[in-house]
Amino acid sequence: MNGRTSWLMRTDSLAKNGLLVGIAIILQPWWSWGLKVGFFLTAAATVLHILTSHRLDEADPLD
């Protein structure tokens, strides 16, 4: 595992955790801005996850 793959894997994990946190914020009933903040956090984490997942496929091919 080289440095680029390690960095991408950490960024991908951050994106996955961002998805979890964003959905949790959307579902919580105590904070009135939770739906808006959770939506934008989930959307940003989704885009980041898509980008890092495609880069991981290019950086470490299984062939």
N, C-alpha and C. Protein backbone atom coordinates (compact mmCIF):
# COMPACT_ATOMS: atom_id res chain seq x y z
N MET A 1 0.85 -1.18 0.00
CA MET A 1 0.00 0.00 0.00
C MET A 1 0.89 1.23 0.00
N ASN A 2 0.75 2.04 -1.00
CA ASN A 2 1.56 3.24 -1.08
C ASN A 2 0.87 4.41 -0.38
N GLY A 3 1.54 5.56 -0.35
CA GLY A 3 1.01 6.72 0.34
C GLY A 3 -0.28 7.24 -0.25
N ARG A 4 -0.40 7.19 -1.58
CA ARG A 4 -1.61 7.69 -2.23
C ARG A 4 -2.82 6.83 -1.87
N THR A 5 -2.64 5.53 -1.87
CA THR A 5 -3.74 4.63 -1.54
C THR A 5 -4.14 4.81 -0.08
N SER A 6 -3.17 4.95 0.79
CA SER A 6 -3.47 5.15 2.21
C SER A 6 -4.27 6.43 2.42
N TRP A 7 -3.85 7.52 1.77
CA TRP A 7 -4.57 8.79 1.88
C TRP A 7 -5.98 8.66 1.34
N LEU A 8 -6.14 7.97 0.22
CA LEU A 8 -7.47 7.79 -0.36
C LEU A 8 -8.36 6.94 0.53
N MET A 9 -7.79 5.93 1.15
CA MET A 9 -8.58 5.07 2.04
C MET A 9 -9.05 5.85 3.26
N ARG A 10 -8.19 6.70 3.81
CA ARG A 10 -8.60 7.52 4.96
C ARG A 10 -9.68 8.52 4.55
N THR A 11 -9.54 9.11 3.37
CA THR A 11 -10.55 10.06 2.89
C THR A 11 -11.86 9.35 2.61
N ASP A 12 -11.80 8.14 2.08
CA ASP A 12 -13.01 7.36 1.83
C ASP A 12 -13.70 7.00 3.14
N SER A 13 -12.93 6.65 4.15
CA SER A 13 -13.51 6.36 5.46
C SER A 13 -14.16 7.61 6.05
N LEU A 14 -13.53 8.75 5.87
CA LEU A 14 -14.11 10.01 6.33
C LEU A 14 -15.44 10.27 5.63
N ALA A 15 -15.51 9.99 4.33
CA ALA A 15 -16.75 10.18 3.59
C ALA A 15 -17.84 9.23 4.09
N LYS A 16 -17.49 7.99 4.37
CA LYS A 16 -18.48 7.04 4.90
C LYS A 16 -19.00 7.48 6.26
N ASN A 17 -18.10 7.96 7.11
CA ASN A 17 -18.52 8.45 8.41
C ASN A 17 -19.36 9.71 8.27
N GLY A 18 -19.05 10.55 7.29
CA GLY A 18 -19.85 11.73 7.02
C GLY A 18 -21.27 11.37 6.62
N LEU A 19 -21.41 10.29 5.86
CA LEU A 19 -22.75 9.81 5.50
C LEU A 19 -23.53 9.41 6.75
N LEU A 20 -22.89 8.66 7.64
CA LEU A 20 -23.55 8.23 8.87
C LEU A 20 -23.96 9.42 9.74
N VAL A 21 -23.05 10.37 9.91
CA VAL A 21 -23.34 11.53 10.74
C VAL A 21 -24.44 12.39 10.10
N GLY A 22 -24.38 12.57 8.80
CA GLY A 22 -25.39 13.36 8.11
C GLY A 22 -26.78 12.76 8.25
N ILE A 23 -26.88 11.44 8.10
CA ILE A 23 -28.19 10.79 8.24
C ILE A 23 -28.68 10.87 9.68
N ALA A 24 -27.75 10.71 10.64
CA ALA A 24 -28.13 10.83 12.05
C ALA A 24 -28.65 12.24 12.36
N ILE A 25 -28.01 13.25 11.79
CA ILE A 25 -28.47 14.63 12.02
C ILE A 25 -29.84 14.86 11.37
N ILE A 26 -30.06 14.27 10.20
CA ILE A 26 -31.37 14.40 9.55
C ILE A 26 -32.47 13.79 10.43
N LEU A 27 -32.19 12.66 11.05
CA LEU A 27 -33.22 11.93 11.79
C LEU A 27 -33.44 12.43 13.21
N GLN A 28 -32.56 13.25 13.73
CA GLN A 28 -32.73 13.71 15.12
C GLN A 28 -33.86 14.74 15.19
N PRO A 29 -34.66 14.70 16.25
CA PRO A 29 -35.81 15.61 16.35
C PRO A 29 -35.58 16.89 17.15
N TRP A 30 -34.39 17.09 17.74
CA TRP A 30 -34.20 18.19 18.68
C TRP A 30 -33.70 19.48 18.05
N TRP A 31 -33.05 19.42 16.93
CA TRP A 31 -32.43 20.60 16.34
C TRP A 31 -33.21 20.96 15.08
N SER A 32 -33.77 22.16 15.04
CA SER A 32 -34.64 22.54 13.93
C SER A 32 -33.90 22.66 12.59
N TRP A 33 -32.62 23.00 12.62
CA TRP A 33 -31.83 23.11 11.39
C TRP A 33 -31.21 21.77 10.98
N GLY A 34 -31.50 20.73 11.72
CA GLY A 34 -30.89 19.43 11.47
C GLY A 34 -31.15 18.87 10.08
N LEU A 35 -32.34 19.09 9.57
CA LEU A 35 -32.66 18.55 8.24
C LEU A 35 -31.81 19.21 7.17
N LYS A 36 -31.67 20.53 7.23
CA LYS A 36 -30.87 21.24 6.22
C LYS A 36 -29.39 20.89 6.34
N VAL A 37 -28.86 20.95 7.55
CA VAL A 37 -27.44 20.65 7.75
C VAL A 37 -27.15 19.20 7.40
N GLY A 38 -27.99 18.30 7.85
CA GLY A 38 -27.80 16.88 7.55
C GLY A 38 -27.87 16.58 6.07
N PHE A 39 -28.78 17.26 5.38
CA PHE A 39 -28.91 17.06 3.93
C PHE A 39 -27.62 17.47 3.22
N PHE A 40 -27.12 18.67 3.52
CA PHE A 40 -25.92 19.14 2.84
C PHE A 40 -24.68 18.33 3.23
N LEU A 41 -24.60 17.90 4.48
CA LEU A 41 -23.49 17.05 4.90
C LEU A 41 -23.55 15.70 4.17
N THR A 42 -24.74 15.13 4.07
CA THR A 42 -24.89 13.85 3.37
C THR A 42 -24.58 14.00 1.89
N ALA A 43 -25.03 15.09 1.28
CA ALA A 43 -24.74 15.31 -0.14
C ALA A 43 -23.24 15.47 -0.39
N ALA A 44 -22.57 16.26 0.46
CA ALA A 44 -21.12 16.44 0.30
C ALA A 44 -20.37 15.14 0.53
N ALA A 45 -20.77 14.38 1.53
CA ALA A 45 -20.12 13.10 1.81
C ALA A 45 -20.35 12.10 0.67
N THR A 46 -21.52 12.15 0.06
CA THR A 46 -21.80 11.25 -1.07
C THR A 46 -20.89 11.57 -2.25
N VAL A 47 -20.75 12.84 -2.58
CA VAL A 47 -19.87 13.23 -3.68
C VAL A 47 -18.43 12.84 -3.37
N LEU A 48 -17.98 13.09 -2.14
CA LEU A 48 -16.61 12.72 -1.75
C LEU A 48 -16.42 11.21 -1.83
N HIS A 49 -17.41 10.45 -1.40
CA HIS A 49 -17.30 8.98 -1.45
C HIS A 49 -17.24 8.48 -2.90
N ILE A 50 -18.02 9.06 -3.76
CA ILE A 50 -17.98 8.66 -5.17
C ILE A 50 -16.61 8.94 -5.77
N LEU A 51 -16.07 10.13 -5.51
CA LEU A 51 -14.76 10.49 -6.04
C LEU A 51 -13.65 9.59 -5.50
N THR A 52 -13.64 9.36 -4.20
CA THR A 52 -12.57 8.54 -3.63
C THR A 52 -12.70 7.08 -4.02
N SER A 53 -13.92 6.60 -4.16
CA SER A 53 -14.10 5.20 -4.56
C SER A 53 -13.58 4.96 -5.97
N HIS A 54 -13.82 5.91 -6.87
CA HIS A 54 -13.31 5.76 -8.24
C HIS A 54 -11.79 5.87 -8.27
N ARG A 55 -11.22 6.72 -7.45
CA ARG A 55 -9.76 6.85 -7.38
C ARG A 55 -9.13 5.61 -6.78
N LEU A 56 -9.79 4.99 -5.81
CA LEU A 56 -9.26 3.76 -5.22
C LEU A 56 -9.21 2.64 -6.26
N ASP A 57 -10.24 2.58 -7.10
CA ASP A 57 -10.25 1.56 -8.15
C ASP A 57 -9.08 1.76 -9.12
N GLU A 58 -8.76 3.01 -9.43
CA GLU A 58 -7.66 3.29 -10.34
C GLU A 58 -6.29 3.08 -9.67
N ALA A 59 -6.19 3.37 -8.38
CA ALA A 59 -4.91 3.31 -7.69
C ALA A 59 -4.48 1.87 -7.36
N ASP A 60 -5.42 0.99 -7.16
CA ASP A 60 -5.11 -0.36 -6.73
C ASP A 60 -5.94 -1.38 -7.52
N PRO A 61 -5.61 -1.60 -8.77
CA PRO A 61 -6.40 -2.55 -9.57
C PRO A 61 -6.20 -3.98 -9.09
N LEU A 62 -7.21 -4.78 -9.23
CA LEU A 62 -7.16 -6.18 -8.79
C LEU A 62 -6.53 -7.09 -9.84
N ASP A 63 -6.36 -6.61 -11.04
CA ASP A 63 -5.80 -7.46 -12.12
C ASP A 63 -4.36 -7.75 -11.93
